Amino acid sequence: MTLDPFSERIRSERRRRWIRIAIAVLAVAGLGALVWLIWFSSVLAVRDVEVAGRTTLKQAQVLRAAQVPAGRPMARVDLEAIEGRVAALNRVDTVEVSRSWPRTVSIRVVERKAVVWATVGGQVRGIDRNGIAFRSYGSPPKDLLEAKITLTDSRDRVQTFQAVAEVVVAITGQDPALLRQIRSVSAASKDSIELELDEGRTVVWGSSDKAERKLVVLDSLLAIDAARYDVSAPDQPTTRE
């Protein structure tokens, strides 16, 4: 029996409709399987943790602080929480945590680096670029300058240590010859930094601002035989015998 064109068209539309339904069902099923695979199955679960960048920290210290949940699906691992726990370690400056698919969590740390040392609470402590006293030494380290700061308020002390560290970093990078002449750095506040040079000379540096300009001016001033050089206002420098 031959169907009329109208009936054939209806059957064709029905077939296309069922095909579309079948494709939609398969797509939903595939998506559901993918969600289950990524979020709930053990196929893509954490099996390894890699730690990179440490120098003085032990790997066990980082892993203990990180508390990476072994066996948890990678997609459900809270990377920010891990970063927060590792960042709480005294010696950690910055930390980045990422997923290395299919089953590894990667932790990359940058440890704090001492810029100067100071006596804090009766201990010899290393101070980093942010003014944080993050480590102790058995004796004053010979490769670091001493920062003489007697402030008792913790916030003011950190800010002053940070200002001193900025000055030392600037001098280290731009004028190594001057650095070799410095015996210690003192400060009563973040805006009253002084450099104690050899031969009993003193440089009144002031705040950590305009370091490059101050270095240029000081280089010329040091040619003058004086006991005190003031570059706190670099456009109006002074000397005193």
Protein backbone atom coordinates (compact mmCIF):
# COMPACT_ATOMS: atom_id res chain seq x y z
CA MET A 1 0.00 0.00 0.00
CA THR A 2 1.36 3.37 -0.95
CA LEU A 3 1.04 6.15 1.64
CA ASP A 4 -0.05 9.52 0.49
CA PRO A 5 2.47 12.35 0.71
CA PHE A 6 0.74 13.86 3.75
CA SER A 7 0.99 10.65 5.81
CA GLU A 8 4.61 10.16 4.79
CA ARG A 9 5.42 13.66 5.93
CA ILE A 10 3.82 13.04 9.33
CA ARG A 11 5.83 9.83 9.79
CA SER A 12 9.03 11.63 8.80
CA GLU A 13 8.37 14.41 11.33
CA ARG A 14 7.71 11.81 14.04
CA ARG A 15 11.01 10.07 13.28
CA ARG A 16 12.91 13.37 13.49
CA ARG A 17 11.14 14.21 16.75
CA TRP A 18 12.14 10.88 18.30
CA ILE A 19 15.69 11.31 17.08
CA ARG A 20 15.85 14.74 18.70
CA ILE A 21 14.46 13.32 21.93
CA ALA A 22 16.96 10.46 21.85
CA ILE A 23 19.85 12.89 21.27
CA ALA A 24 18.65 15.11 24.13
CA VAL A 25 18.37 12.11 26.48
CA LEU A 26 21.84 10.93 25.50
CA ALA A 27 23.25 14.43 26.01
CA VAL A 28 21.69 14.70 29.48
CA ALA A 29 22.94 11.24 30.35
CA GLY A 30 26.43 12.09 29.07
CA LEU A 31 26.48 15.34 31.01
CA GLY A 32 25.33 13.54 34.14
CA ALA A 33 28.06 10.95 33.70
CA LEU A 34 30.63 13.70 33.21
CA VAL A 35 29.47 15.53 36.35
CA TRP A 36 29.63 12.30 38.33
CA LEU A 37 33.09 11.53 36.95
CA ILE A 38 34.48 14.95 37.86
CA TRP A 39 32.67 15.76 41.10
CA PHE A 40 31.92 12.46 42.77
CA SER A 41 33.94 9.54 41.43
CA SER A 42 37.36 8.43 42.66
CA VAL A 43 38.71 8.33 39.10
CA LEU A 44 39.82 11.99 39.32
CA ALA A 45 40.46 12.07 43.05
CA VAL A 46 43.57 13.45 44.78
CA ARG A 47 46.38 10.93 44.96
CA ASP A 48 49.54 13.06 44.98
CA VAL A 49 50.66 16.43 46.35
CA GLU A 50 53.66 18.21 44.85
CA VAL A 51 55.54 20.91 46.79
CA ALA A 52 57.90 23.26 44.95
CA GLY A 53 59.91 26.35 45.81
CA ARG A 54 60.85 25.59 49.42
CA THR A 55 64.40 26.26 50.59
CA THR A 56 64.46 26.02 54.39
CA LEU A 57 61.04 24.53 55.00
CA LYS A 58 60.73 20.78 55.07
CA GLN A 59 58.22 19.17 52.75
CA ALA A 60 56.54 17.51 55.73
CA GLN A 61 55.92 20.94 57.28
CA VAL A 62 54.19 22.20 54.16
CA LEU A 63 52.11 19.04 53.75
CA ARG A 64 51.09 19.09 57.40
CA ALA A 65 49.96 22.70 57.13
CA ALA A 66 48.24 22.19 53.75
CA GLN A 67 46.00 19.33 54.91
CA VAL A 68 45.18 18.33 51.34
CA PRO A 69 42.26 15.87 51.51
CA ALA A 70 43.54 12.68 49.88
CA GLY A 71 40.88 10.79 47.97
CA ARG A 72 38.61 13.79 47.47
CA PRO A 73 37.59 14.51 43.86
CA MET A 74 39.95 17.13 42.45
CA ALA A 75 37.14 19.49 41.45
CA ARG A 76 35.91 19.67 45.04
CA VAL A 77 39.27 20.51 46.62
CA ASP A 78 39.21 24.01 48.19
CA LEU A 79 42.41 25.55 46.82
CA GLU A 80 41.95 28.86 48.65
CA ALA A 81 41.65 27.09 52.00
CA ILE A 82 44.89 25.20 51.33
CA GLU A 83 46.63 28.44 50.35
CA GLY A 84 45.45 30.08 53.55
CA ARG A 85 46.77 27.28 55.74
CA VAL A 86 50.18 27.21 54.04
CA ALA A 87 50.43 31.01 54.05
CA ALA A 88 50.09 30.91 57.85
CA LEU A 89 53.55 29.32 58.10
CA ASN A 90 56.02 31.93 59.38
CA ARG A 91 58.54 31.37 56.63
CA VAL A 92 56.09 31.54 53.72
CA ASP A 93 55.98 34.82 51.81
CA THR A 94 53.58 33.77 49.03
CA VAL A 95 51.91 30.51 48.04
CA GLU A 96 50.01 29.33 44.98
CA VAL A 97 47.97 26.13 44.92
CA SER A 98 46.69 24.60 41.68
CA ARG A 99 45.25 21.39 40.25
CA SER A 100 47.51 19.27 38.06
CA TRP A 101 45.04 16.95 36.40
CA PRO A 102 44.23 14.19 36.64
CA ARG A 103 45.13 13.46 40.29
CA THR A 104 47.75 15.88 41.68
CA VAL A 105 47.52 19.07 43.77
CA SER A 106 50.52 21.35 43.25
CA ILE A 107 51.74 23.75 45.95
CA ARG A 108 54.34 26.36 45.03
CA VAL A 109 55.77 28.46 47.85
CA VAL A 110 58.10 31.42 47.94
CA GLU A 111 59.83 31.62 51.30
CA ARG A 112 60.56 34.83 53.11
CA LYS A 113 64.10 36.11 52.75
CA ALA A 114 65.84 38.01 55.52
CA VAL A 115 66.93 41.50 54.47
CA VAL A 116 68.23 42.69 57.86
CA TRP A 117 68.44 41.30 61.36
CA ALA A 118 67.34 42.80 64.65
CA THR A 119 67.09 41.91 68.30
CA VAL A 120 63.42 41.34 69.07
CA GLY A 121 62.36 40.14 72.50
CA GLY A 122 65.94 39.26 73.32
CA GLN A 123 66.32 37.07 70.22
CA VAL A 124 68.25 37.63 67.01
CA ARG A 125 65.56 37.66 64.35
CA GLY A 126 65.63 37.81 60.55
CA ILE A 127 63.41 40.52 59.06
CA ASP A 128 61.98 40.20 55.56
CA ARG A 129 61.05 42.89 53.00
CA ASN A 130 57.61 43.27 54.59
CA GLY A 131 59.02 43.97 58.03
CA ILE A 132 58.10 40.53 59.36
CA ALA A 133 60.40 38.93 61.93
CA PHE A 134 60.03 35.39 60.66
CA ARG A 135 63.03 33.41 61.86
CA SER A 136 65.60 33.20 64.67
CA TYR A 137 69.39 32.96 64.55
CA GLY A 138 71.74 31.57 67.15
CA SER A 139 74.05 34.53 66.55
CA PRO A 140 73.97 37.68 64.38
CA PRO A 141 74.30 36.66 60.70
CA LYS A 142 77.43 38.15 59.18
CA ASP A 143 75.89 38.63 55.74
CA LEU A 144 73.06 40.89 56.97
CA LEU A 145 72.96 44.42 58.37
CA GLU A 146 71.64 45.04 61.85
CA ALA A 147 68.48 47.13 62.19
CA LYS A 148 68.47 48.93 65.54
CA ILE A 149 64.86 49.61 66.40
CA THR A 150 63.49 49.87 69.92
CA LEU A 151 59.81 50.55 69.22
CA THR A 152 57.46 48.58 71.47
CA ASP A 153 54.21 48.99 69.54
CA SER A 154 54.05 45.96 67.23
CA ARG A 155 52.34 47.78 64.36
CA ASP A 156 54.80 50.70 64.41
CA ARG A 157 57.69 48.25 64.69
CA VAL A 158 56.59 46.27 61.62
CA GLN A 159 56.10 49.47 59.59
CA THR A 160 59.53 50.73 60.62
CA PHE A 161 61.19 47.40 59.87
CA GLN A 162 59.50 47.44 56.45
CA ALA A 163 60.77 50.96 55.73
CA VAL A 164 64.30 49.98 56.77
CA ALA A 165 64.12 46.86 54.59
CA GLU A 166 63.03 48.95 51.59
CA VAL A 167 66.03 51.23 52.06
CA VAL A 168 68.47 48.34 52.38
CA VAL A 169 67.02 46.62 49.30
CA ALA A 170 67.32 49.85 47.30
CA ILE A 171 70.94 50.36 48.36
CA THR A 172 71.79 46.71 47.68
CA GLY A 173 70.43 46.93 44.15
CA GLN A 174 71.76 50.36 43.21
CA ASP A 175 74.90 51.10 45.24
CA PRO A 176 76.80 48.02 46.50
CA ALA A 177 79.82 50.22 47.27
CA LEU A 178 77.76 52.21 49.79
CA LEU A 179 76.36 49.01 51.23
CA ARG A 180 79.87 47.88 52.14
CA GLN A 181 80.37 51.07 54.16
CA ILE A 182 77.22 50.63 56.26
CA ARG A 183 77.70 49.10 59.70
CA SER A 184 74.06 49.19 60.83
CA VAL A 185 70.74 50.93 60.25
CA SER A 186 68.78 52.61 63.03
CA ALA A 187 65.34 54.16 63.18
CA ALA A 188 63.12 55.71 65.84
CA SER A 189 60.21 55.59 63.37
CA LYS A 190 59.56 54.73 59.75
CA ASP A 191 60.36 58.33 58.78
CA SER A 192 63.63 58.72 60.73
CA ILE A 193 66.00 56.15 59.29
CA GLU A 194 69.74 56.63 59.75
CA LEU A 195 72.68 54.76 58.25
CA GLU A 196 75.68 54.25 60.49
CA LEU A 197 78.76 54.17 58.26
CA ASP A 198 82.33 53.21 59.03
CA GLU A 199 84.71 55.83 60.48
CA GLY A 200 81.92 57.07 62.74
CA ARG A 201 79.94 58.75 59.96
CA THR A 202 76.15 58.95 59.94
CA VAL A 203 73.66 59.42 57.11
CA VAL A 204 70.26 60.89 57.99
CA TRP A 205 68.07 59.14 55.43
CA GLY A 206 64.59 59.98 56.68
CA SER A 207 61.73 57.96 55.15
CA SER A 208 62.10 55.23 52.55
CA ASP A 209 60.73 57.53 49.83
CA LYS A 210 62.87 58.87 46.94
CA ALA A 211 65.59 56.27 47.49
CA GLU A 212 67.04 56.62 44.00
CA ARG A 213 67.32 60.39 44.29
CA LYS A 214 68.84 60.15 47.76
CA LEU A 215 71.49 57.73 46.55
CA VAL A 216 72.55 60.08 43.75
CA VAL A 217 72.80 63.02 46.15
CA LEU A 218 74.59 61.01 48.83
CA ASP A 219 77.17 59.78 46.34
CA SER A 220 78.24 63.39 45.81
CA LEU A 221 78.06 64.32 49.50
CA LEU A 222 80.35 61.50 50.58
CA ALA A 223 83.17 63.21 48.73
CA ILE A 224 83.00 65.85 51.46
CA ASP A 225 84.82 65.12 54.72
CA ALA A 226 82.02 65.24 57.28
CA ALA A 227 80.62 63.34 60.23
CA ARG A 228 76.93 63.68 59.36
CA TYR A 229 75.22 63.72 55.96
CA ASP A 230 71.54 64.58 55.70
CA VAL A 231 69.64 63.50 52.57
CA SER A 232 66.20 63.26 54.19
CA ALA A 233 65.23 66.17 51.91
CA PRO A 234 67.35 65.21 48.86
CA ASP A 235 66.85 68.55 47.11
CA GLN A 236 68.27 70.37 50.15
CA PRO A 237 71.04 68.10 51.46
CA THR A 238 73.32 69.18 54.28
CA THR A 239 76.53 68.04 55.96
CA ARG A 240 77.96 68.60 59.41
CA GLU A 241 81.47 68.09 60.70
